[in-house]
């Protein structure tokens, strides 16, 4: 099993071993009936626990892999890095239909730029850089119902292209 997992991870470098193992367990082990909530869905619509976990795992593993190509990783948890020119940055990732990036306000205070990486396929990324001051001015606050309201700001792809500049293209 370990060798199959290893081969799969080599072919899919943007995934983590933990996310692949959880996905395999979710697919093949019997499921326990969930207690369905009658509460209305939260803002953000389509996201559920599984897709949220997968998005988080993808962002962390892909972000770390990209960051190691771009600069020196300072904090793997925040995908915070020092660029070769000395500026501090955070690398945010988006994939497929998700075309917006989020940045915590506390992280934004520590960095000079936000690097926004987009991939349609999980391996090839276009990266833009947005100055932290521009991000503060142009990004929107998370929705009032969101648990990180007033702590997280979001910027969509059109805003990143408008207010940022192309940083480069990378593959992992």
N, C-alpha and C. Protein backbone atom coordinates (compact mmCIF):
# COMPACT_ATOMS: atom_id res chain seq x y z
N UNK A 1 0.82 -1.18 0.00
CA UNK A 1 0.00 0.00 0.00
C UNK A 1 0.88 1.26 0.00
N UNK A 2 1.96 1.23 0.77
CA UNK A 2 2.85 2.38 0.84
C UNK A 2 3.46 2.69 -0.52
N UNK A 3 3.83 1.67 -1.27
CA UNK A 3 4.44 1.91 -2.58
C UNK A 3 3.42 2.48 -3.56
N UNK A 4 2.16 2.04 -3.48
CA UNK A 4 1.10 2.59 -4.34
C UNK A 4 0.86 4.06 -4.00
N UNK A 5 0.85 4.36 -2.70
CA UNK A 5 0.66 5.74 -2.26
C UNK A 5 1.82 6.61 -2.76
N UNK A 6 3.05 6.10 -2.63
CA UNK A 6 4.22 6.83 -3.09
C UNK A 6 4.18 7.13 -4.58
N UNK A 7 3.79 6.13 -5.38
CA UNK A 7 3.69 6.34 -6.83
C UNK A 7 2.60 7.38 -7.17
N UNK A 8 1.48 7.27 -6.46
CA UNK A 8 0.38 8.22 -6.70
C UNK A 8 0.82 9.64 -6.38
N UNK A 9 1.55 9.82 -5.29
CA UNK A 9 2.00 11.16 -4.89
C UNK A 9 3.03 11.72 -5.87
N UNK A 10 3.85 10.87 -6.44
CA UNK A 10 4.81 11.32 -7.46
C UNK A 10 4.07 11.85 -8.68
N UNK A 11 2.98 11.16 -9.07
CA UNK A 11 2.19 11.58 -10.22
C UNK A 11 1.30 12.79 -9.92
N UNK A 12 1.02 13.04 -8.64
CA UNK A 12 0.14 14.12 -8.22
C UNK A 12 0.81 14.95 -7.14
N UNK A 13 1.83 15.74 -7.49
CA UNK A 13 2.64 16.44 -6.48
C UNK A 13 1.90 17.52 -5.70
N UNK A 14 0.74 17.96 -6.19
CA UNK A 14 0.02 19.00 -5.45
C UNK A 14 -0.82 18.44 -4.32
N UNK A 15 -0.89 17.11 -4.20
CA UNK A 15 -1.65 16.49 -3.12
C UNK A 15 -0.72 16.09 -1.99
N UNK A 16 -1.26 16.01 -0.79
CA UNK A 16 -0.48 15.54 0.35
C UNK A 16 -0.85 14.09 0.63
N UNK A 17 0.05 13.38 1.30
CA UNK A 17 -0.22 11.99 1.66
C UNK A 17 -1.47 11.89 2.53
N UNK A 18 -1.65 12.84 3.43
CA UNK A 18 -2.82 12.80 4.32
C UNK A 18 -4.12 12.95 3.53
N UNK A 19 -4.15 13.88 2.56
CA UNK A 19 -5.39 14.08 1.81
C UNK A 19 -5.71 12.87 0.95
N UNK A 20 -4.69 12.23 0.37
CA UNK A 20 -4.91 11.03 -0.44
C UNK A 20 -5.41 9.89 0.44
N UNK A 21 -4.82 9.72 1.61
CA UNK A 21 -5.25 8.65 2.52
C UNK A 21 -6.68 8.87 2.98
N UNK A 22 -7.02 10.10 3.33
CA UNK A 22 -8.39 10.39 3.77
C UNK A 22 -9.37 10.15 2.64
N UNK A 23 -9.03 10.59 1.43
CA UNK A 23 -9.92 10.38 0.28
C UNK A 23 -10.14 8.88 0.03
N UNK A 24 -9.05 8.10 0.12
CA UNK A 24 -9.17 6.65 -0.07
C UNK A 24 -10.05 6.03 1.00
N UNK A 25 -9.84 6.42 2.25
CA UNK A 25 -10.68 5.89 3.34
C UNK A 25 -12.13 6.28 3.16
N UNK A 26 -12.38 7.53 2.78
CA UNK A 26 -13.75 7.99 2.56
C UNK A 26 -14.42 7.20 1.44
N UNK A 27 -13.65 6.80 0.42
CA UNK A 27 -14.22 6.10 -0.72
C UNK A 27 -14.50 4.63 -0.43
N UNK A 28 -13.69 3.99 0.40
CA UNK A 28 -13.78 2.55 0.52
C UNK A 28 -14.30 2.02 1.85
N UNK A 29 -14.32 2.82 2.89
CA UNK A 29 -14.86 2.35 4.15
C UNK A 29 -16.35 2.66 4.22
N UNK A 30 -17.10 1.80 4.89
CA UNK A 30 -18.54 2.09 5.03
C UNK A 30 -18.74 3.42 5.75
N UNK A 31 -19.75 4.13 5.34
CA UNK A 31 -20.02 5.42 5.97
C UNK A 31 -21.10 5.29 7.03
N UNK A 32 -20.99 6.12 8.02
CA UNK A 32 -21.99 6.19 9.08
C UNK A 32 -22.97 7.28 8.69
N UNK A 33 -24.24 7.03 8.85
CA UNK A 33 -25.25 8.02 8.49
C UNK A 33 -25.00 9.31 9.27
N UNK A 34 -25.02 10.42 8.55
CA UNK A 34 -24.80 11.72 9.18
C UNK A 34 -26.12 12.24 9.72
N UNK A 35 -26.03 13.00 10.78
CA UNK A 35 -27.18 13.69 11.32
C UNK A 35 -27.33 14.98 10.52
N UNK A 36 -28.26 14.99 9.58
CA UNK A 36 -28.41 16.13 8.68
C UNK A 36 -28.94 17.35 9.43
N UNK A 37 -28.28 18.46 9.24
CA UNK A 37 -28.69 19.70 9.88
C UNK A 37 -29.83 20.34 9.10
N UNK A 38 -30.73 20.99 9.80
CA UNK A 38 -31.83 21.71 9.17
C UNK A 38 -31.51 23.20 9.03
N UNK A 39 -30.29 23.59 9.44
CA UNK A 39 -29.90 24.99 9.36
C UNK A 39 -29.68 25.38 7.90
N UNK A 40 -29.96 26.62 7.53
CA UNK A 40 -29.65 27.06 6.16
C UNK A 40 -28.14 27.01 5.94
N UNK A 41 -27.76 26.82 4.68
CA UNK A 41 -26.34 26.74 4.38
C UNK A 41 -25.67 28.08 4.63
N UNK A 42 -24.39 28.01 4.97
CA UNK A 42 -23.61 29.20 5.25
C UNK A 42 -23.18 29.87 3.95
N UNK A 43 -22.79 31.13 4.02
CA UNK A 43 -22.26 31.78 2.82
C UNK A 43 -21.07 30.98 2.30
N UNK A 44 -20.90 30.95 1.00
CA UNK A 44 -19.82 30.17 0.41
C UNK A 44 -20.39 29.02 -0.37
N UNK A 45 -21.67 28.75 -0.16
CA UNK A 45 -22.45 27.84 -0.98
C UNK A 45 -22.04 26.41 -1.04
N UNK A 46 -21.26 26.04 -2.02
CA UNK A 46 -20.99 24.65 -2.36
C UNK A 46 -20.04 23.94 -1.41
N UNK A 47 -19.31 24.66 -0.60
CA UNK A 47 -18.28 24.06 0.22
C UNK A 47 -18.88 23.24 1.34
N UNK A 48 -18.34 22.03 1.53
CA UNK A 48 -18.73 21.20 2.67
C UNK A 48 -17.46 20.75 3.37
N UNK A 49 -17.58 19.88 4.35
CA UNK A 49 -16.41 19.48 5.13
C UNK A 49 -15.35 18.81 4.27
N UNK A 50 -15.77 17.93 3.37
CA UNK A 50 -14.81 17.20 2.53
C UNK A 50 -14.13 18.14 1.54
N UNK A 51 -14.92 18.96 0.83
CA UNK A 51 -14.30 19.86 -0.15
C UNK A 51 -13.45 20.91 0.56
N UNK A 52 -13.86 21.33 1.74
CA UNK A 52 -13.07 22.28 2.52
C UNK A 52 -11.73 21.70 2.91
N UNK A 53 -11.74 20.44 3.37
CA UNK A 53 -10.49 19.76 3.75
C UNK A 53 -9.60 19.58 2.53
N UNK A 54 -10.19 19.18 1.41
CA UNK A 54 -9.40 19.00 0.19
C UNK A 54 -8.80 20.32 -0.29
N UNK A 55 -9.58 21.39 -0.23
CA UNK A 55 -9.07 22.71 -0.62
C UNK A 55 -7.92 23.15 0.26
N UNK A 56 -8.08 22.94 1.56
CA UNK A 56 -7.03 23.30 2.52
C UNK A 56 -5.76 22.49 2.25
N UNK A 57 -5.92 21.18 2.08
CA UNK A 57 -4.76 20.31 1.82
C UNK A 57 -4.06 20.70 0.52
N UNK A 58 -4.86 20.98 -0.53
CA UNK A 58 -4.26 21.38 -1.79
C UNK A 58 -3.49 22.68 -1.62
N UNK A 59 -4.11 23.66 -0.99
CA UNK A 59 -3.47 24.96 -0.81
C UNK A 59 -2.16 24.86 -0.05
N UNK A 60 -2.16 24.06 1.01
CA UNK A 60 -0.94 23.93 1.82
C UNK A 60 0.16 23.20 1.04
N UNK A 61 -0.17 22.06 0.45
CA UNK A 61 0.88 21.28 -0.21
C UNK A 61 1.38 21.97 -1.49
N UNK A 62 0.45 22.48 -2.30
CA UNK A 62 0.86 23.19 -3.52
C UNK A 62 1.59 24.48 -3.17
N UNK A 63 1.11 25.18 -2.16
CA UNK A 63 1.75 26.43 -1.75
C UNK A 63 3.17 26.22 -1.29
N UNK A 64 3.39 25.17 -0.51
CA UNK A 64 4.75 24.87 -0.05
C UNK A 64 5.66 24.49 -1.21
N UNK A 65 5.14 23.69 -2.14
CA UNK A 65 5.94 23.28 -3.30
C UNK A 65 6.31 24.49 -4.15
N UNK A 66 5.36 25.39 -4.39
CA UNK A 66 5.65 26.60 -5.17
C UNK A 66 6.60 27.53 -4.43
N UNK A 67 6.34 27.71 -3.14
CA UNK A 67 7.17 28.62 -2.34
C UNK A 67 8.63 28.20 -2.36
N UNK A 68 8.88 26.89 -2.34
CA UNK A 68 10.27 26.41 -2.36
C UNK A 68 10.96 26.74 -3.68
N UNK A 69 10.20 26.91 -4.75
CA UNK A 69 10.78 27.31 -6.04
C UNK A 69 11.00 28.82 -6.13
N UNK A 70 10.19 29.58 -5.40
CA UNK A 70 10.19 31.03 -5.53
C UNK A 70 11.14 31.72 -4.56
N UNK A 71 11.21 31.23 -3.34
CA UNK A 71 12.04 31.88 -2.33
C UNK A 71 12.32 30.95 -1.16
N UNK A 72 12.63 31.54 -0.02
CA UNK A 72 12.94 30.78 1.19
C UNK A 72 11.71 30.74 2.09
N UNK A 73 11.19 29.54 2.34
CA UNK A 73 10.00 29.37 3.17
C UNK A 73 10.31 29.74 4.61
N UNK A 74 9.58 30.72 5.14
CA UNK A 74 9.78 31.19 6.51
C UNK A 74 8.79 30.51 7.45
N UNK A 75 7.54 30.39 7.01
CA UNK A 75 6.50 29.76 7.80
C UNK A 75 5.64 28.88 6.90
N UNK A 76 5.77 27.55 7.02
CA UNK A 76 4.97 26.67 6.17
C UNK A 76 3.47 26.75 6.48
N UNK A 77 3.10 27.10 7.70
CA UNK A 77 1.69 27.17 8.06
C UNK A 77 1.00 28.30 7.30
N UNK A 78 1.63 29.45 7.20
CA UNK A 78 1.05 30.59 6.49
C UNK A 78 1.57 30.68 5.06
N UNK A 79 2.33 29.70 4.61
CA UNK A 79 3.01 29.74 3.31
C UNK A 79 3.65 31.11 3.13
N UNK A 80 4.40 31.49 4.14
CA UNK A 80 5.07 32.78 4.17
C UNK A 80 6.52 32.56 3.75
N UNK A 81 7.02 33.43 2.89
CA UNK A 81 8.38 33.24 2.39
C UNK A 81 9.11 34.56 2.23
N UNK A 82 10.42 34.43 2.12
CA UNK A 82 11.28 35.58 1.84
C UNK A 82 11.70 35.45 0.39
N UNK A 83 11.40 36.47 -0.40
CA UNK A 83 11.74 36.46 -1.82
C UNK A 83 13.24 36.72 -1.99
N UNK A 84 13.81 36.33 -3.12
CA UNK A 84 15.25 36.57 -3.35
C UNK A 84 15.65 38.04 -3.22
N UNK A 85 14.72 38.99 -3.49
CA UNK A 85 15.05 40.42 -3.37
C UNK A 85 14.87 40.94 -1.94
N UNK A 86 14.54 40.04 -0.99
CA UNK A 86 14.44 40.42 0.42
C UNK A 86 13.04 40.74 0.91
N UNK A 87 12.09 40.91 -0.01
CA UNK A 87 10.73 41.20 0.42
C UNK A 87 10.10 39.96 1.06
N UNK A 88 9.19 40.22 2.00
CA UNK A 88 8.42 39.13 2.62
C UNK A 88 7.12 38.98 1.86
N UNK A 89 6.71 37.72 1.65
CA UNK A 89 5.50 37.45 0.87
C UNK A 89 4.72 36.31 1.49
N UNK A 90 3.46 36.23 1.14
CA UNK A 90 2.67 35.04 1.43
C UNK A 90 2.16 34.54 0.09
N UNK A 91 2.11 33.22 -0.06
CA UNK A 91 1.66 32.62 -1.31
C UNK A 91 0.28 32.01 -1.08
N UNK A 92 -0.70 32.47 -1.85
CA UNK A 92 -2.07 31.98 -1.76
C UNK A 92 -2.36 31.23 -3.05
N UNK A 93 -3.10 30.13 -2.98
CA UNK A 93 -3.38 29.34 -4.17
C UNK A 93 -4.87 29.25 -4.45
N UNK A 94 -5.22 29.10 -5.71
CA UNK A 94 -6.59 28.86 -6.14
C UNK A 94 -6.54 27.89 -7.32
N UNK A 95 -7.58 27.05 -7.40
CA UNK A 95 -7.58 26.01 -8.42
C UNK A 95 -8.96 25.88 -9.06
N UNK A 96 -8.95 25.65 -10.38
CA UNK A 96 -10.18 25.35 -11.09
C UNK A 96 -11.17 26.49 -11.09
N UNK A 97 -12.39 26.21 -10.57
CA UNK A 97 -13.45 27.22 -10.57
C UNK A 97 -13.29 28.23 -9.45
N UNK A 98 -12.43 27.95 -8.48
CA UNK A 98 -12.18 28.89 -7.40
C UNK A 98 -11.23 29.97 -7.90
N UNK A 99 -11.74 31.14 -8.13
CA UNK A 99 -10.92 32.21 -8.69
C UNK A 99 -10.80 33.40 -7.75
N UNK A 100 -10.69 33.10 -6.45
CA UNK A 100 -10.41 34.17 -5.50
C UNK A 100 -9.44 33.67 -4.45
N UNK A 101 -8.74 34.62 -3.86
CA UNK A 101 -7.76 34.32 -2.84
C UNK A 101 -8.13 35.07 -1.58
N UNK A 102 -7.79 34.48 -0.44
CA UNK A 102 -8.05 35.13 0.83
C UNK A 102 -6.75 35.31 1.60
N UNK A 103 -6.71 36.35 2.43
CA UNK A 103 -5.53 36.60 3.25
C UNK A 103 -5.99 37.15 4.60
N UNK A 104 -5.51 36.53 5.66
CA UNK A 104 -5.83 37.00 7.00
C UNK A 104 -5.18 38.37 7.23
N UNK A 105 -5.90 39.24 7.91
CA UNK A 105 -5.39 40.59 8.17
C UNK A 105 -4.08 40.56 8.97
N UNK A 106 -3.97 39.63 9.92
CA UNK A 106 -2.74 39.55 10.73
C UNK A 106 -1.54 39.15 9.88
N UNK A 107 -1.76 38.31 8.87
CA UNK A 107 -0.68 37.92 7.96
C UNK A 107 -0.34 39.09 7.04
N UNK A 108 -1.34 39.79 6.58
CA UNK A 108 -1.14 40.92 5.68
C UNK A 108 -0.26 42.00 6.31
N UNK A 109 -0.33 42.14 7.63
CA UNK A 109 0.49 43.12 8.35
C UNK A 109 1.97 42.76 8.34
N UNK A 110 2.30 41.47 8.13
CA UNK A 110 3.69 41.00 8.20
C UNK A 110 4.39 40.94 6.86
N UNK A 111 3.65 41.06 5.76
CA UNK A 111 4.25 40.85 4.45
C UNK A 111 4.25 42.12 3.61
N UNK A 112 5.12 42.11 2.59
CA UNK A 112 5.19 43.21 1.64
C UNK A 112 4.28 42.97 0.44
N UNK A 113 4.17 41.70 0.02
CA UNK A 113 3.34 41.34 -1.13
C UNK A 113 2.58 40.05 -0.87
N UNK A 114 1.46 39.92 -1.58
CA UNK A 114 0.68 38.69 -1.60
C UNK A 114 0.87 38.09 -2.98
N UNK A 115 1.38 36.86 -3.04
CA UNK A 115 1.52 36.16 -4.31
C UNK A 115 0.28 35.30 -4.50
N UNK A 116 -0.42 35.50 -5.60
CA UNK A 116 -1.65 34.76 -5.90
C UNK A 116 -1.37 33.80 -7.05
N UNK A 117 -1.44 32.50 -6.75
CA UNK A 117 -1.14 31.47 -7.74
C UNK A 117 -2.43 30.80 -8.18
N UNK A 118 -2.67 30.73 -9.48
CA UNK A 118 -3.86 30.07 -10.01
C UNK A 118 -3.44 28.91 -10.90
N UNK A 119 -4.15 27.78 -10.75
CA UNK A 119 -3.90 26.62 -11.59
C UNK A 119 -5.22 26.02 -12.07
N UNK A 120 -5.31 25.73 -13.36
CA UNK A 120 -6.51 25.03 -13.83
C UNK A 120 -6.40 23.52 -13.65
N UNK A 121 -5.15 23.02 -13.51
CA UNK A 121 -4.94 21.57 -13.52
C UNK A 121 -4.22 21.01 -12.30
N UNK A 122 -3.83 21.84 -11.35
CA UNK A 122 -3.16 21.36 -10.15
C UNK A 122 -1.66 21.27 -10.24
N UNK A 123 -1.08 21.52 -11.41
CA UNK A 123 0.37 21.42 -11.55
C UNK A 123 1.02 22.66 -12.19
N UNK A 124 0.32 23.34 -13.07
CA UNK A 124 0.85 24.53 -13.76
C UNK A 124 0.18 25.77 -13.19
N UNK A 125 1.01 26.70 -12.70
CA UNK A 125 0.50 27.87 -11.99
C UNK A 125 0.93 29.16 -12.66
N UNK A 126 -0.01 30.11 -12.77
CA UNK A 126 0.31 31.49 -13.11
C UNK A 126 0.28 32.25 -11.79
N UNK A 127 1.31 33.07 -11.56
CA UNK A 127 1.43 33.76 -10.28
C UNK A 127 1.50 35.27 -10.51
N UNK A 128 0.69 36.00 -9.73
CA UNK A 128 0.70 37.46 -9.73
C UNK A 128 1.14 37.94 -8.35
N UNK A 129 1.69 39.13 -8.28
CA UNK A 129 2.00 39.73 -6.99
C UNK A 129 1.17 40.98 -6.81
N UNK A 130 0.63 41.11 -5.60
CA UNK A 130 -0.17 42.29 -5.24
C UNK A 130 0.48 42.89 -4.01
N UNK A 131 0.82 44.16 -4.08
CA UNK A 131 1.40 44.85 -2.94
C UNK A 131 0.42 44.78 -1.76
N UNK A 132 0.94 44.57 -0.56
CA UNK A 132 0.10 44.40 0.63
C UNK A 132 -0.79 45.63 0.86
N UNK A 133 -0.28 46.82 0.61
CA UNK A 133 -1.07 48.05 0.80
C UNK A 133 -2.22 48.12 -0.21
N UNK A 134 -1.94 47.68 -1.43
CA UNK A 134 -2.98 47.64 -2.46
C UNK A 134 -4.03 46.61 -2.08
N UNK A 135 -3.60 45.45 -1.59
CA UNK A 135 -4.53 44.41 -1.15
C UNK A 135 -5.46 44.98 -0.06
N UNK A 136 -4.89 45.65 0.93
CA UNK A 136 -5.69 46.23 2.00
C UNK A 136 -6.76 47.17 1.46
N UNK A 137 -6.39 47.95 0.47
CA UNK A 137 -7.29 48.96 -0.09
C UNK A 137 -8.37 48.34 -0.99
N UNK A 138 -8.01 47.32 -1.77
CA UNK A 138 -8.89 46.81 -2.81
C UNK A 138 -9.66 45.53 -2.46
N UNK A 139 -9.17 44.74 -1.53
CA UNK A 139 -9.83 43.47 -1.22
C UNK A 139 -11.09 43.72 -0.41
N UNK A 140 -12.05 42.79 -0.51
CA UNK A 140 -13.30 42.91 0.24
C UNK A 140 -13.23 42.05 1.48
N UNK A 141 -13.98 42.44 2.49
CA UNK A 141 -14.05 41.71 3.73
C UNK A 141 -14.86 40.42 3.52
N UNK A 142 -14.55 39.38 4.27
CA UNK A 142 -15.35 38.16 4.23
C UNK A 142 -16.78 38.50 4.64
N UNK A 143 -17.74 37.75 4.16
CA UNK A 143 -19.17 37.99 4.42
C UNK A 143 -19.47 38.08 5.91
N UNK A 144 -20.48 38.86 6.27
CA UNK A 144 -20.84 39.00 7.69
C UNK A 144 -21.12 37.67 8.40
N UNK A 145 -21.64 36.68 7.70
CA UNK A 145 -21.92 35.38 8.32
C UNK A 145 -20.71 34.47 8.42
N UNK A 146 -19.61 34.85 7.81
CA UNK A 146 -18.41 34.01 7.80
C UNK A 146 -17.70 34.10 9.14
N UNK A 147 -17.14 32.98 9.59
CA UNK A 147 -16.47 32.98 10.90
C UNK A 147 -15.25 33.89 10.95
N UNK A 148 -14.70 34.24 9.79
CA UNK A 148 -13.53 35.14 9.76
C UNK A 148 -13.88 36.56 9.30
N UNK A 149 -15.16 36.91 9.42
CA UNK A 149 -15.58 38.27 9.08
C UNK A 149 -14.75 39.27 9.90
N UNK A 150 -14.26 40.31 9.25
CA UNK A 150 -13.38 41.32 9.84
C UNK A 150 -11.98 40.80 10.18
N UNK A 151 -11.65 39.58 9.76
CA UNK A 151 -10.32 39.02 9.97
C UNK A 151 -9.69 38.56 8.66
N UNK A 152 -10.50 38.40 7.62
CA UNK A 152 -10.07 37.88 6.34
C UNK A 152 -10.57 38.77 5.23
N UNK A 153 -9.68 39.07 4.26
CA UNK A 153 -10.10 39.82 3.08
C UNK A 153 -9.87 38.95 1.85
N UNK A 154 -10.69 39.18 0.82
CA UNK A 154 -10.67 38.37 -0.39
C UNK A 154 -10.50 39.25 -1.62
N UNK A 155 -9.79 38.70 -2.59
CA UNK A 155 -9.60 39.40 -3.86
C UNK A 155 -9.76 38.38 -4.98
N UNK A 156 -10.61 38.70 -5.94
CA UNK A 156 -10.87 37.82 -7.07
C UNK A 156 -9.80 37.94 -8.15
N UNK A 157 -9.87 37.03 -9.12
CA UNK A 157 -8.87 36.99 -10.19
C UNK A 157 -8.85 38.29 -11.00
N UNK A 158 -10.02 38.85 -11.29
CA UNK A 158 -10.03 40.09 -12.07
C UNK A 158 -9.36 41.23 -11.29
N UNK A 159 -9.55 41.26 -9.97
CA UNK A 159 -8.89 42.27 -9.15
C UNK A 159 -7.39 42.06 -9.08
N UNK A 160 -6.97 40.80 -8.98
CA UNK A 160 -5.53 40.48 -8.93
C UNK A 160 -4.88 40.89 -10.25
N UNK A 161 -5.54 40.60 -11.37
CA UNK A 161 -4.99 40.98 -12.67
C UNK A 161 -4.97 42.50 -12.84
N UNK A 162 -5.96 43.19 -12.28
CA UNK A 162 -6.05 44.65 -12.42
C UNK A 162 -5.05 45.38 -11.52
N UNK A 163 -4.94 44.95 -10.25
CA UNK A 163 -4.15 45.69 -9.27
C UNK A 163 -2.75 45.09 -9.03
N UNK A 164 -2.54 43.87 -9.52
CA UNK A 164 -1.25 43.22 -9.34
C UNK A 164 -0.43 43.24 -10.61
N UNK A 165 0.69 42.53 -10.56
CA UNK A 165 1.49 42.38 -11.77
C UNK A 165 1.95 40.93 -11.87
N UNK A 166 2.19 40.51 -13.07
CA UNK A 166 2.59 39.12 -13.31
C UNK A 166 3.93 38.85 -12.63
N UNK A 167 3.97 37.77 -11.87
CA UNK A 167 5.20 37.38 -11.18
C UNK A 167 5.91 36.27 -11.95
N UNK A 168 5.15 35.38 -12.59
CA UNK A 168 5.76 34.31 -13.38
C UNK A 168 4.87 33.09 -13.46
N UNK A 169 5.35 32.09 -14.19
CA UNK A 169 4.66 30.81 -14.34
C UNK A 169 5.54 29.72 -13.78
N UNK A 170 4.93 28.77 -13.06
CA UNK A 170 5.66 27.71 -12.39
C UNK A 170 4.91 26.39 -12.52
N UNK A 171 5.65 25.29 -12.43
CA UNK A 171 5.05 23.96 -12.42
C UNK A 171 5.58 23.19 -11.24
N UNK A 172 4.71 22.37 -10.64
CA UNK A 172 5.15 21.51 -9.55
C UNK A 172 4.92 20.07 -9.92
